[in-house]
Amino acid sequence: MHKNNVSDEYLLEQVCVYSDDQSLEYLFDRYFQRLCTFSHTFVKDHAIAEELVADTFCTIWFNRANLNVPDKARPYLYTAVRNHSLNHLKKKRVEHIDISYAETMPDNNLGPEQLLTFNDLLKEVNLLVDALPEKKRIIFRMNKIEGFRYKEIADILGISVHTVQNHMVEAIKILAENAPQNNLLFLALVFLTLS
């Protein structure tokens, strides 16, 4: 079995049903860095984020016999890491939760001047996204950066799809209202580069 040729769901089923540790290792390799980035948005510490993600996989392994195999593995893993991260914050009595922005890389075909313009505009986009209200910021980034669909975001955050939709509409409205006047490239970055 080559790890790149099998689905996340198949790997998780192999772990839960057949106690296949190699499948767990494949899942770990596939998601570790992304889950660490996700956990870091809550705990704000790379080392702790790595520990929490590793602990999450350990928990899955030790509880595999009692786990119901989920229909979708990706939202399940993100939800597990989110819960683990929030439990850590509760223990540490940290109340402020923020999301750090994953760097978006431009097309390699851009020239030096275009690249400079792109990077300047991207910094402005980051500042505007950082200024969004917390819930809108989290949902916007989960959708635009992590690529989660509204239903997945709703399941992970424990809210309704309608609420996710409302937050996204309001977030985009805020970003559009605060964008540099008549700067179509800026708006394109918000709607295309971050998608």
N, C-alpha and C. Protein backbone atom coordinates (compact mmCIF):
# COMPACT_ATOMS: atom_id res chain seq x y z
N MET A 1 0.84 -1.20 0.00
CA MET A 1 0.00 0.00 0.00
C MET A 1 0.88 1.25 0.00
N HIS A 2 0.68 2.13 -0.99
CA HIS A 2 1.41 3.38 -1.02
C HIS A 2 0.53 4.47 -0.44
N LYS A 3 1.08 5.22 0.50
CA LYS A 3 0.27 6.16 1.28
C LYS A 3 -0.39 7.24 0.43
N ASN A 4 0.23 7.59 -0.71
CA ASN A 4 -0.35 8.66 -1.54
C ASN A 4 -1.54 8.18 -2.36
N ASN A 5 -1.74 6.89 -2.41
CA ASN A 5 -2.80 6.34 -3.26
C ASN A 5 -4.06 5.96 -2.49
N VAL A 6 -4.09 6.22 -1.21
CA VAL A 6 -5.26 5.83 -0.42
C VAL A 6 -5.89 7.05 0.24
N SER A 7 -7.18 6.96 0.49
CA SER A 7 -7.90 8.09 1.07
C SER A 7 -7.67 8.18 2.58
N ASP A 8 -7.94 9.36 3.11
CA ASP A 8 -7.85 9.56 4.56
C ASP A 8 -8.81 8.64 5.29
N GLU A 9 -10.00 8.48 4.71
CA GLU A 9 -11.03 7.66 5.34
C GLU A 9 -10.60 6.19 5.43
N TYR A 10 -9.96 5.73 4.36
CA TYR A 10 -9.46 4.34 4.36
C TYR A 10 -8.41 4.16 5.45
N LEU A 11 -7.49 5.13 5.54
CA LEU A 11 -6.43 5.03 6.55
C LEU A 11 -7.00 5.01 7.96
N LEU A 12 -7.97 5.89 8.22
CA LEU A 12 -8.56 5.96 9.56
C LEU A 12 -9.33 4.68 9.88
N GLU A 13 -9.97 4.12 8.87
CA GLU A 13 -10.67 2.85 9.08
C GLU A 13 -9.68 1.74 9.41
N GLN A 14 -8.54 1.72 8.73
CA GLN A 14 -7.52 0.71 9.00
C GLN A 14 -7.00 0.83 10.44
N VAL A 15 -6.91 2.07 10.92
CA VAL A 15 -6.45 2.30 12.29
C VAL A 15 -7.49 1.79 13.29
N CYS A 16 -8.74 2.22 13.10
CA CYS A 16 -9.80 1.93 14.08
C CYS A 16 -10.26 0.48 14.05
N VAL A 17 -10.39 -0.07 12.86
CA VAL A 17 -10.95 -1.42 12.73
C VAL A 17 -9.89 -2.50 12.79
N TYR A 18 -8.73 -2.24 12.19
CA TYR A 18 -7.71 -3.28 12.07
C TYR A 18 -6.43 -3.01 12.86
N SER A 19 -6.44 -1.93 13.66
CA SER A 19 -5.27 -1.57 14.48
C SER A 19 -3.99 -1.51 13.66
N ASP A 20 -4.09 -0.91 12.47
CA ASP A 20 -2.94 -0.80 11.57
C ASP A 20 -2.12 0.44 11.92
N ASP A 21 -0.98 0.23 12.57
CA ASP A 21 -0.17 1.38 13.00
C ASP A 21 0.49 2.09 11.83
N GLN A 22 0.72 1.38 10.71
CA GLN A 22 1.32 2.02 9.54
C GLN A 22 0.35 3.04 8.94
N SER A 23 -0.93 2.73 8.97
CA SER A 23 -1.93 3.66 8.47
C SER A 23 -1.98 4.92 9.34
N LEU A 24 -1.82 4.73 10.64
CA LEU A 24 -1.77 5.89 11.54
C LEU A 24 -0.56 6.75 11.22
N GLU A 25 0.56 6.10 10.93
CA GLU A 25 1.78 6.83 10.58
C GLU A 25 1.59 7.61 9.28
N TYR A 26 0.90 7.00 8.31
CA TYR A 26 0.62 7.69 7.05
C TYR A 26 -0.23 8.94 7.30
N LEU A 27 -1.28 8.78 8.11
CA LEU A 27 -2.15 9.92 8.45
C LEU A 27 -1.36 11.01 9.17
N PHE A 28 -0.53 10.58 10.08
CA PHE A 28 0.30 11.50 10.85
C PHE A 28 1.19 12.32 9.91
N ASP A 29 1.88 11.64 9.01
CA ASP A 29 2.76 12.32 8.06
C ASP A 29 1.99 13.28 7.14
N ARG A 30 0.80 12.86 6.77
CA ARG A 30 -0.03 13.64 5.84
C ARG A 30 -0.56 14.93 6.47
N TYR A 31 -0.88 14.86 7.75
CA TYR A 31 -1.58 15.99 8.39
C TYR A 31 -0.81 16.71 9.49
N PHE A 32 0.33 16.19 9.92
CA PHE A 32 0.99 16.74 11.10
C PHE A 32 1.26 18.25 10.99
N GLN A 33 1.90 18.68 9.92
CA GLN A 33 2.26 20.10 9.80
C GLN A 33 1.02 20.99 9.73
N ARG A 34 0.02 20.58 8.96
CA ARG A 34 -1.19 21.39 8.84
C ARG A 34 -1.94 21.48 10.16
N LEU A 35 -1.97 20.37 10.89
CA LEU A 35 -2.66 20.36 12.18
C LEU A 35 -1.88 21.17 13.22
N CYS A 36 -0.55 21.15 13.11
CA CYS A 36 0.26 21.97 14.02
C CYS A 36 -0.01 23.45 13.78
N THR A 37 -0.11 23.84 12.52
CA THR A 37 -0.43 25.24 12.18
C THR A 37 -1.80 25.60 12.74
N PHE A 38 -2.75 24.68 12.60
CA PHE A 38 -4.10 24.92 13.09
C PHE A 38 -4.11 25.04 14.61
N SER A 39 -3.43 24.15 15.31
CA SER A 39 -3.37 24.19 16.77
C SER A 39 -2.67 25.46 17.24
N HIS A 40 -1.64 25.86 16.51
CA HIS A 40 -0.88 27.06 16.88
C HIS A 40 -1.76 28.31 16.89
N THR A 41 -2.79 28.33 16.02
CA THR A 41 -3.68 29.49 16.00
C THR A 41 -4.42 29.66 17.33
N PHE A 42 -4.52 28.58 18.08
CA PHE A 42 -5.17 28.65 19.39
C PHE A 42 -4.16 28.84 20.52
N VAL A 43 -3.11 28.04 20.52
CA VAL A 43 -2.21 28.02 21.69
C VAL A 43 -1.03 28.98 21.57
N LYS A 44 -0.76 29.47 20.34
CA LYS A 44 0.30 30.47 20.12
C LYS A 44 1.68 30.00 20.53
N ASP A 45 1.95 28.71 20.44
CA ASP A 45 3.26 28.18 20.79
C ASP A 45 3.51 26.95 19.93
N HIS A 46 4.55 27.01 19.09
CA HIS A 46 4.80 25.92 18.13
C HIS A 46 5.08 24.59 18.84
N ALA A 47 5.89 24.63 19.89
CA ALA A 47 6.25 23.39 20.59
C ALA A 47 5.01 22.76 21.23
N ILE A 48 4.18 23.57 21.85
CA ILE A 48 2.96 23.05 22.48
C ILE A 48 2.02 22.52 21.41
N ALA A 49 1.91 23.24 20.29
CA ALA A 49 1.05 22.79 19.20
C ALA A 49 1.48 21.42 18.70
N GLU A 50 2.77 21.22 18.54
CA GLU A 50 3.29 19.93 18.09
C GLU A 50 2.96 18.83 19.10
N GLU A 51 3.10 19.15 20.38
CA GLU A 51 2.77 18.17 21.42
C GLU A 51 1.29 17.81 21.39
N LEU A 52 0.45 18.82 21.23
CA LEU A 52 -0.99 18.59 21.23
C LEU A 52 -1.42 17.74 20.03
N VAL A 53 -0.83 18.01 18.88
CA VAL A 53 -1.16 17.20 17.69
C VAL A 53 -0.68 15.76 17.88
N ALA A 54 0.53 15.61 18.37
CA ALA A 54 1.05 14.26 18.63
C ALA A 54 0.17 13.54 19.65
N ASP A 55 -0.24 14.26 20.71
CA ASP A 55 -1.13 13.68 21.72
C ASP A 55 -2.46 13.26 21.12
N THR A 56 -2.95 14.07 20.18
CA THR A 56 -4.23 13.75 19.53
C THR A 56 -4.12 12.42 18.79
N PHE A 57 -3.03 12.24 18.07
CA PHE A 57 -2.84 10.97 17.35
C PHE A 57 -2.66 9.80 18.31
N CYS A 58 -1.99 10.05 19.42
CA CYS A 58 -1.83 9.00 20.45
C CYS A 58 -3.19 8.61 21.02
N THR A 59 -4.02 9.62 21.27
CA THR A 59 -5.35 9.37 21.81
C THR A 59 -6.19 8.55 20.84
N ILE A 60 -6.09 8.89 19.56
CA ILE A 60 -6.81 8.12 18.54
C ILE A 60 -6.35 6.67 18.56
N TRP A 61 -5.04 6.47 18.66
CA TRP A 61 -4.50 5.10 18.66
C TRP A 61 -4.96 4.30 19.88
N PHE A 62 -4.84 4.92 21.05
CA PHE A 62 -5.19 4.20 22.28
C PHE A 62 -6.69 3.96 22.43
N ASN A 63 -7.49 4.81 21.78
CA ASN A 63 -8.95 4.65 21.87
C ASN A 63 -9.56 4.08 20.59
N ARG A 64 -8.70 3.56 19.71
CA ARG A 64 -9.16 3.13 18.39
C ARG A 64 -10.28 2.10 18.44
N ALA A 65 -10.24 1.21 19.43
CA ALA A 65 -11.25 0.15 19.51
C ALA A 65 -12.64 0.70 19.82
N ASN A 66 -12.68 1.88 20.45
CA ASN A 66 -13.96 2.46 20.84
C ASN A 66 -14.43 3.57 19.92
N LEU A 67 -13.65 3.85 18.89
CA LEU A 67 -14.00 4.95 17.99
C LEU A 67 -14.92 4.47 16.87
N ASN A 68 -15.94 5.27 16.60
CA ASN A 68 -16.74 5.04 15.41
C ASN A 68 -16.04 5.71 14.25
N VAL A 69 -15.78 4.98 13.19
CA VAL A 69 -15.06 5.53 12.05
C VAL A 69 -15.92 6.63 11.41
N PRO A 70 -15.42 7.87 11.38
CA PRO A 70 -16.22 8.96 10.81
C PRO A 70 -16.30 8.88 9.30
N ASP A 71 -17.34 9.51 8.73
CA ASP A 71 -17.50 9.52 7.28
C ASP A 71 -16.39 10.32 6.61
N LYS A 72 -15.99 11.41 7.26
CA LYS A 72 -14.94 12.27 6.71
C LYS A 72 -13.80 12.38 7.73
N ALA A 73 -12.61 11.98 7.33
CA ALA A 73 -11.48 11.95 8.25
C ALA A 73 -10.91 13.34 8.53
N ARG A 74 -10.85 14.18 7.51
CA ARG A 74 -10.21 15.49 7.67
C ARG A 74 -10.90 16.36 8.72
N PRO A 75 -12.22 16.57 8.62
CA PRO A 75 -12.90 17.36 9.66
C PRO A 75 -12.78 16.72 11.04
N TYR A 76 -12.76 15.38 11.07
CA TYR A 76 -12.63 14.67 12.35
C TYR A 76 -11.29 15.01 13.01
N LEU A 77 -10.20 14.99 12.23
CA LEU A 77 -8.87 15.28 12.78
C LEU A 77 -8.77 16.73 13.24
N TYR A 78 -9.30 17.64 12.44
CA TYR A 78 -9.26 19.05 12.83
C TYR A 78 -10.09 19.31 14.09
N THR A 79 -11.24 18.65 14.17
CA THR A 79 -12.08 18.82 15.36
C THR A 79 -11.38 18.27 16.60
N ALA A 80 -10.73 17.12 16.45
CA ALA A 80 -10.02 16.51 17.58
C ALA A 80 -8.89 17.42 18.06
N VAL A 81 -8.15 17.99 17.12
CA VAL A 81 -7.05 18.89 17.48
C VAL A 81 -7.59 20.18 18.09
N ARG A 82 -8.67 20.67 17.52
CA ARG A 82 -9.30 21.88 18.09
C ARG A 82 -9.70 21.64 19.53
N ASN A 83 -10.37 20.53 19.79
CA ASN A 83 -10.82 20.22 21.15
C ASN A 83 -9.64 20.06 22.11
N HIS A 84 -8.61 19.41 21.62
CA HIS A 84 -7.41 19.19 22.44
C HIS A 84 -6.75 20.54 22.76
N SER A 85 -6.70 21.42 21.77
CA SER A 85 -6.10 22.74 21.95
C SER A 85 -6.92 23.58 22.93
N LEU A 86 -8.24 23.54 22.79
CA LEU A 86 -9.10 24.32 23.68
C LEU A 86 -9.04 23.78 25.11
N ASN A 87 -8.94 22.47 25.25
CA ASN A 87 -8.79 21.89 26.59
C ASN A 87 -7.48 22.34 27.23
N HIS A 88 -6.44 22.42 26.41
CA HIS A 88 -5.16 22.92 26.92
C HIS A 88 -5.30 24.36 27.41
N LEU A 89 -6.00 25.18 26.61
CA LEU A 89 -6.19 26.59 26.99
C LEU A 89 -7.00 26.71 28.28
N LYS A 90 -7.99 25.86 28.42
CA LYS A 90 -8.79 25.90 29.65
C LYS A 90 -7.92 25.59 30.86
N LYS A 91 -7.06 24.61 30.69
CA LYS A 91 -6.16 24.25 31.79
C LYS A 91 -5.22 25.40 32.13
N LYS A 92 -4.78 26.08 31.12
CA LYS A 92 -3.84 27.19 31.32
C LYS A 92 -4.57 28.51 31.63
N ARG A 93 -5.89 28.44 31.60
CA ARG A 93 -6.72 29.63 31.85
C ARG A 93 -6.39 30.77 30.89
N VAL A 94 -6.17 30.39 29.65
CA VAL A 94 -5.94 31.39 28.62
C VAL A 94 -7.27 31.64 27.93
N GLU A 95 -7.71 32.88 27.92
CA GLU A 95 -9.02 33.18 27.39
C GLU A 95 -8.99 33.74 25.98
N HIS A 96 -7.90 34.38 25.62
CA HIS A 96 -7.86 35.02 24.30
C HIS A 96 -7.42 34.03 23.24
N ILE A 97 -8.27 33.80 22.28
CA ILE A 97 -7.96 32.89 21.18
C ILE A 97 -7.87 33.70 19.89
N ASP A 98 -6.76 33.55 19.21
CA ASP A 98 -6.58 34.31 17.98
C ASP A 98 -6.12 33.34 16.91
N ILE A 99 -6.23 33.74 15.68
CA ILE A 99 -5.81 32.91 14.57
C ILE A 99 -4.67 33.60 13.84
N SER A 100 -3.55 32.89 13.67
CA SER A 100 -2.45 33.47 12.90
C SER A 100 -2.66 33.13 11.43
N TYR A 101 -2.19 33.99 10.59
CA TYR A 101 -2.46 33.86 9.17
C TYR A 101 -1.37 33.07 8.48
N ALA A 102 -1.76 32.07 7.72
CA ALA A 102 -0.78 31.29 6.96
C ALA A 102 -0.33 32.10 5.74
N GLU A 103 0.96 32.16 5.52
CA GLU A 103 1.50 32.98 4.43
C GLU A 103 1.04 32.43 3.10
N THR A 104 0.55 33.32 2.25
CA THR A 104 0.09 32.94 0.92
C THR A 104 1.18 33.28 -0.08
N MET A 105 1.60 32.30 -0.85
CA MET A 105 2.69 32.54 -1.79
C MET A 105 2.14 32.91 -3.16
N PRO A 106 2.72 33.92 -3.82
CA PRO A 106 2.26 34.33 -5.14
C PRO A 106 2.75 33.39 -6.23
N ASP A 107 2.21 33.57 -7.41
CA ASP A 107 2.62 32.80 -8.58
C ASP A 107 4.09 33.07 -8.88
N ASN A 108 4.84 32.02 -9.17
CA ASN A 108 6.27 32.16 -9.44
C ASN A 108 6.56 32.96 -10.71
N ASN A 109 5.54 33.17 -11.57
CA ASN A 109 5.74 33.87 -12.83
C ASN A 109 5.73 35.39 -12.68
N LEU A 110 5.44 35.90 -11.49
CA LEU A 110 5.41 37.34 -11.29
C LEU A 110 6.83 37.93 -11.38
N GLY A 111 6.91 39.12 -12.00
CA GLY A 111 8.18 39.82 -12.09
C GLY A 111 8.51 40.50 -10.77
N PRO A 112 9.72 41.08 -10.64
CA PRO A 112 10.15 41.71 -9.38
C PRO A 112 9.20 42.81 -8.91
N GLU A 113 8.77 43.71 -9.84
CA GLU A 113 7.88 44.80 -9.45
C GLU A 113 6.51 44.28 -9.06
N GLN A 114 6.01 43.32 -9.84
CA GLN A 114 4.70 42.74 -9.53
C GLN A 114 4.74 42.00 -8.18
N LEU A 115 5.87 41.30 -7.95
CA LEU A 115 6.02 40.56 -6.70
C LEU A 115 6.02 41.51 -5.50
N LEU A 116 6.71 42.65 -5.65
CA LEU A 116 6.76 43.66 -4.59
C LEU A 116 5.36 44.21 -4.32
N THR A 117 4.63 44.53 -5.39
CA THR A 117 3.26 45.02 -5.25
C THR A 117 2.38 43.97 -4.59
N PHE A 118 2.54 42.73 -5.02
CA PHE A 118 1.75 41.63 -4.46
C PHE A 118 2.00 41.51 -2.96
N ASN A 119 3.27 41.51 -2.56
CA ASN A 119 3.62 41.35 -1.15
C ASN A 119 3.12 42.51 -0.30
N ASP A 120 3.20 43.73 -0.84
CA ASP A 120 2.68 44.90 -0.12
C ASP A 120 1.18 44.79 0.09
N LEU A 121 0.49 44.40 -0.97
CA LEU A 121 -0.97 44.27 -0.87
C LEU A 121 -1.35 43.12 0.06
N LEU A 122 -0.56 42.05 0.01
CA LEU A 122 -0.85 40.91 0.87
C LEU A 122 -0.73 41.29 2.34
N LYS A 123 0.25 42.16 2.64
CA LYS A 123 0.40 42.64 4.02
C LYS A 123 -0.84 43.43 4.44
N GLU A 124 -1.37 44.23 3.51
CA GLU A 124 -2.57 44.99 3.81
C GLU A 124 -3.77 44.07 4.03
N VAL A 125 -3.86 43.02 3.20
CA VAL A 125 -4.94 42.04 3.36
C VAL A 125 -4.83 41.39 4.74
N ASN A 126 -3.60 41.01 5.11
CA ASN A 126 -3.37 40.36 6.41
C ASN A 126 -3.81 41.26 7.55
N LEU A 127 -3.47 42.55 7.46
CA LEU A 127 -3.85 43.49 8.51
C LEU A 127 -5.36 43.62 8.63
N LEU A 128 -6.04 43.66 7.48
CA LEU A 128 -7.50 43.77 7.51
C LEU A 128 -8.14 42.49 8.06
N VAL A 129 -7.60 41.35 7.68
CA VAL A 129 -8.14 40.08 8.19
C VAL A 129 -7.90 39.99 9.69
N ASP A 130 -6.71 40.42 10.14
CA ASP A 130 -6.40 40.42 11.57
C ASP A 130 -7.37 41.29 12.37
N ALA A 131 -7.88 42.34 11.72
CA ALA A 131 -8.77 43.29 12.40
C ALA A 131 -10.22 42.82 12.44
N LEU A 132 -10.54 41.73 11.74
CA LEU A 132 -11.90 41.21 11.77
C LEU A 132 -12.25 40.75 13.18
N PRO A 133 -13.54 40.83 13.56
CA PRO A 133 -13.95 40.25 14.85
C PRO A 133 -13.55 38.78 14.90
N GLU A 134 -13.25 38.29 16.10
CA GLU A 134 -12.65 36.97 16.28
C GLU A 134 -13.34 35.85 15.52
N LYS A 135 -14.64 35.71 15.69
CA LYS A 135 -15.36 34.60 15.06
C LYS A 135 -15.30 34.69 13.53
N LYS A 136 -15.47 35.90 13.03
CA LYS A 136 -15.41 36.10 11.58
C LYS A 136 -14.01 35.79 11.06
N ARG A 137 -13.00 36.18 11.81
CA ARG A 137 -11.61 35.94 11.42
C ARG A 137 -11.33 34.43 11.34
N ILE A 138 -11.76 33.70 12.35
CA ILE A 138 -11.55 32.25 12.39
C ILE A 138 -12.24 31.58 11.21
N ILE A 139 -13.50 31.92 11.00
CA ILE A 139 -14.29 31.28 9.94
C ILE A 139 -13.75 31.66 8.57
N PHE A 140 -13.40 32.93 8.39
CA PHE A 140 -12.84 33.38 7.10
C PHE A 140 -11.59 32.60 6.75
N ARG A 141 -10.71 32.44 7.72
CA ARG A 141 -9.45 31.75 7.45
C ARG A 141 -9.64 30.25 7.25
N MET A 142 -10.55 29.66 8.01
CA MET A 142 -10.81 28.22 7.82
C MET A 142 -11.33 27.97 6.40
N ASN A 143 -12.15 28.88 5.90
CA ASN A 143 -12.72 28.72 4.56
C ASN A 143 -11.70 29.07 3.49
N LYS A 144 -11.06 30.23 3.62
CA LYS A 144 -10.19 30.72 2.55
C LYS A 144 -8.80 30.10 2.54
N ILE A 145 -8.29 29.73 3.72
CA ILE A 145 -6.93 29.19 3.78
C ILE A 145 -6.92 27.67 3.87
N GLU A 146 -7.72 27.15 4.82
CA GLU A 146 -7.74 25.70 4.99
C GLU A 146 -8.63 25.01 3.96
N GLY A 147 -9.53 25.77 3.33
CA GLY A 147 -10.37 25.21 2.28
C GLY A 147 -11.56 24.40 2.79
N PHE A 148 -11.95 24.62 4.04
CA PHE A 148 -13.11 23.91 4.56
C PHE A 148 -14.39 24.47 3.97
N ARG A 149 -15.33 23.59 3.68
CA ARG A 149 -16.67 24.02 3.27
C ARG A 149 -17.43 24.48 4.49
N TYR A 150 -18.51 25.23 4.25
CA TYR A 150 -19.29 25.79 5.36
C TYR A 150 -19.79 24.70 6.32
N LYS A 151 -20.23 23.58 5.76
CA LYS A 151 -20.75 22.50 6.60
C LYS A 151 -19.65 21.96 7.51
N GLU A 152 -18.45 21.82 6.98
CA GLU A 152 -17.32 21.32 7.77
C GLU A 152 -16.95 22.31 8.88
N ILE A 153 -16.95 23.59 8.53
CA ILE A 153 -16.65 24.61 9.54
C ILE A 153 -17.69 24.58 10.65
N ALA A 154 -18.95 24.46 10.25
CA ALA A 154 -20.05 24.41 11.22
C ALA A 154 -19.87 23.22 12.17
N ASP A 155 -19.51 22.08 11.63
CA ASP A 155 -19.32 20.88 12.46
C ASP A 155 -18.14 21.05 13.41
N ILE A 156 -17.04 21.61 12.92
CA ILE A 156 -15.84 21.76 13.73
C ILE A 156 -16.06 22.77 14.86
N LEU A 157 -16.74 23.88 14.55
CA LEU A 157 -16.93 24.93 15.54
C LEU A 157 -18.20 24.77 16.36
N GLY A 158 -19.02 23.79 16.00
CA GLY A 158 -20.24 23.55 16.76
C GLY A 158 -21.29 24.63 16.59
N ILE A 159 -21.40 25.17 15.37
CA ILE A 159 -22.41 26.18 15.07
C ILE A 159 -23.17 25.76 13.82
N SER A 160 -24.20 26.51 13.45
CA SER A 160 -25.00 26.15 12.29
C SER A 160 -24.34 26.63 11.00
N VAL A 161 -24.69 26.00 9.89
CA VAL A 161 -24.18 26.41 8.59
C VAL A 161 -24.63 27.84 8.30
N HIS A 162 -25.86 28.17 8.69
CA HIS A 162 -26.40 29.51 8.49
C HIS A 162 -25.54 30.56 9.21
N THR A 163 -25.10 30.23 10.42
CA THR A 163 -24.23 31.14 11.18
C THR A 163 -22.89 31.32 10.47
N VAL A 164 -22.33 30.24 9.97
CA VAL A 164 -21.07 30.31 9.22
C VAL A 164 -21.25 31.22 8.01
N GLN A 165 -22.34 31.01 7.29
CA GLN A 165 -22.64 31.79 6.10
C GLN A 165 -22.73 33.28 6.44
N ASN A 166 -23.45 33.60 7.50
CA ASN A 166 -23.60 35.00 7.92
C ASN A 166 -22.26 35.64 8.27
N HIS A 167 -21.42 34.88 9.01
CA HIS A 167 -20.11 35.41 9.37
C HIS A 167 -19.24 35.66 8.14
N MET A 168 -19.31 34.77 7.16
CA MET A 168 -18.52 34.94 5.93
C MET A 168 -18.99 36.15 5.14
N VAL A 169 -20.30 36.30 5.00
CA VAL A 169 -20.85 37.45 4.27
C VAL A 169 -20.42 38.75 4.95
N GLU A 170 -20.54 38.79 6.27
CA GLU A 170 -20.17 40.00 7.01
C GLU A 170 -18.66 40.26 6.94
N ALA A 171 -17.86 39.19 7.02
CA ALA A 171 -16.40 39.34 6.93
C ALA A 171 -16.00 39.92 5.58
N ILE A 172 -16.55 39.38 4.51
CA ILE A 172 -16.23 39.85 3.16
C ILE A 172 -16.69 41.30 2.98
N LYS A 173 -17.86 41.61 3.54
CA LYS A 173 -18.37 42.99 3.46
C LYS A 173 -17.41 43.96 4.16
N ILE A 174 -16.94 43.57 5.35
CA ILE A 174 -16.00 44.40 6.11
C ILE A 174 -14.70 44.60 5.33
N LEU A 175 -14.18 43.51 4.76
CA LEU A 175 -12.93 43.59 4.00
C LEU A 175 -13.10 44.48 2.77
N ALA A 176 -14.24 44.34 2.08
CA ALA A 176 -14.48 45.16 0.89
C ALA A 176 -14.61 46.63 1.25
N GLU A 177 -15.29 46.91 2.36
CA GLU A 177 -15.49 48.31 2.79
C GLU A 177 -14.18 48.97 3.20
N ASN A 178 -13.25 48.18 3.71
CA ASN A 178 -11.99 48.73 4.21
C ASN A 178 -10.83 48.59 3.23
N ALA A 179 -11.11 48.04 2.06
CA ALA A 179 -10.07 47.89 1.05
C ALA A 179 -9.67 49.26 0.52
N PRO A 180 -8.41 49.41 0.07
CA PRO A 180 -7.98 50.67 -0.54
C PRO A 180 -8.92 51.03 -1.69
N GLN A 181 -9.30 52.30 -1.78
CA GLN A 181 -10.27 52.73 -2.78
C GLN A 181 -9.82 52.40 -4.18
N ASN A 182 -10.76 51.87 -4.95
CA ASN A 182 -10.55 51.57 -6.38
C ASN A 182 -9.39 50.60 -6.63
N ASN A 183 -8.99 49.85 -5.61
CA ASN A 183 -7.88 48.92 -5.81
C ASN A 183 -8.43 47.53 -6.10
N LEU A 184 -8.62 47.25 -7.39
CA LEU A 184 -9.22 45.98 -7.79
C LEU A 184 -8.28 44.82 -7.51
N LEU A 185 -6.96 45.05 -7.60
CA LEU A 185 -6.00 43.99 -7.31
C LEU A 185 -6.10 43.57 -5.85
N PHE A 186 -6.31 44.54 -4.96
CA PHE A 186 -6.46 44.24 -3.54
C PHE A 186 -7.66 43.33 -3.33
N LEU A 187 -8.79 43.70 -3.93
CA LEU A 187 -10.01 42.88 -3.77
C LEU A 187 -9.82 41.51 -4.40
N ALA A 188 -9.07 41.46 -5.51
CA ALA A 188 -8.80 40.17 -6.15
C ALA A 188 -8.02 39.27 -5.21
N LEU A 189 -7.08 39.85 -4.45
CA LEU A 189 -6.31 39.06 -3.48
C LEU A 189 -7.23 38.46 -2.43
N VAL A 190 -8.19 39.24 -1.96
CA VAL A 190 -9.12 38.77 -0.94
C VAL A 190 -9.94 37.60 -1.45
N PHE A 191 -10.46 37.74 -2.68
CA PHE A 191 -11.40 36.75 -3.19
C PHE A 191 -10.77 35.62 -3.98
N LEU A 192 -9.57 35.83 -4.54
CA LEU A 192 -8.96 34.80 -5.37
C LEU A 192 -7.72 34.19 -4.74
N THR A 193 -6.75 35.00 -4.34
CA THR A 193 -5.50 34.48 -3.80
C THR A 193 -5.74 33.71 -2.51
N LEU A 194 -6.69 34.15 -1.70
CA LEU A 194 -6.94 33.50 -0.42
C LEU A 194 -7.92 32.35 -0.53
N SER A 195 -8.42 32.11 -1.73
CA SER A 195 -9.44 31.05 -1.87
C SER A 195 -8.79 29.72 -2.11
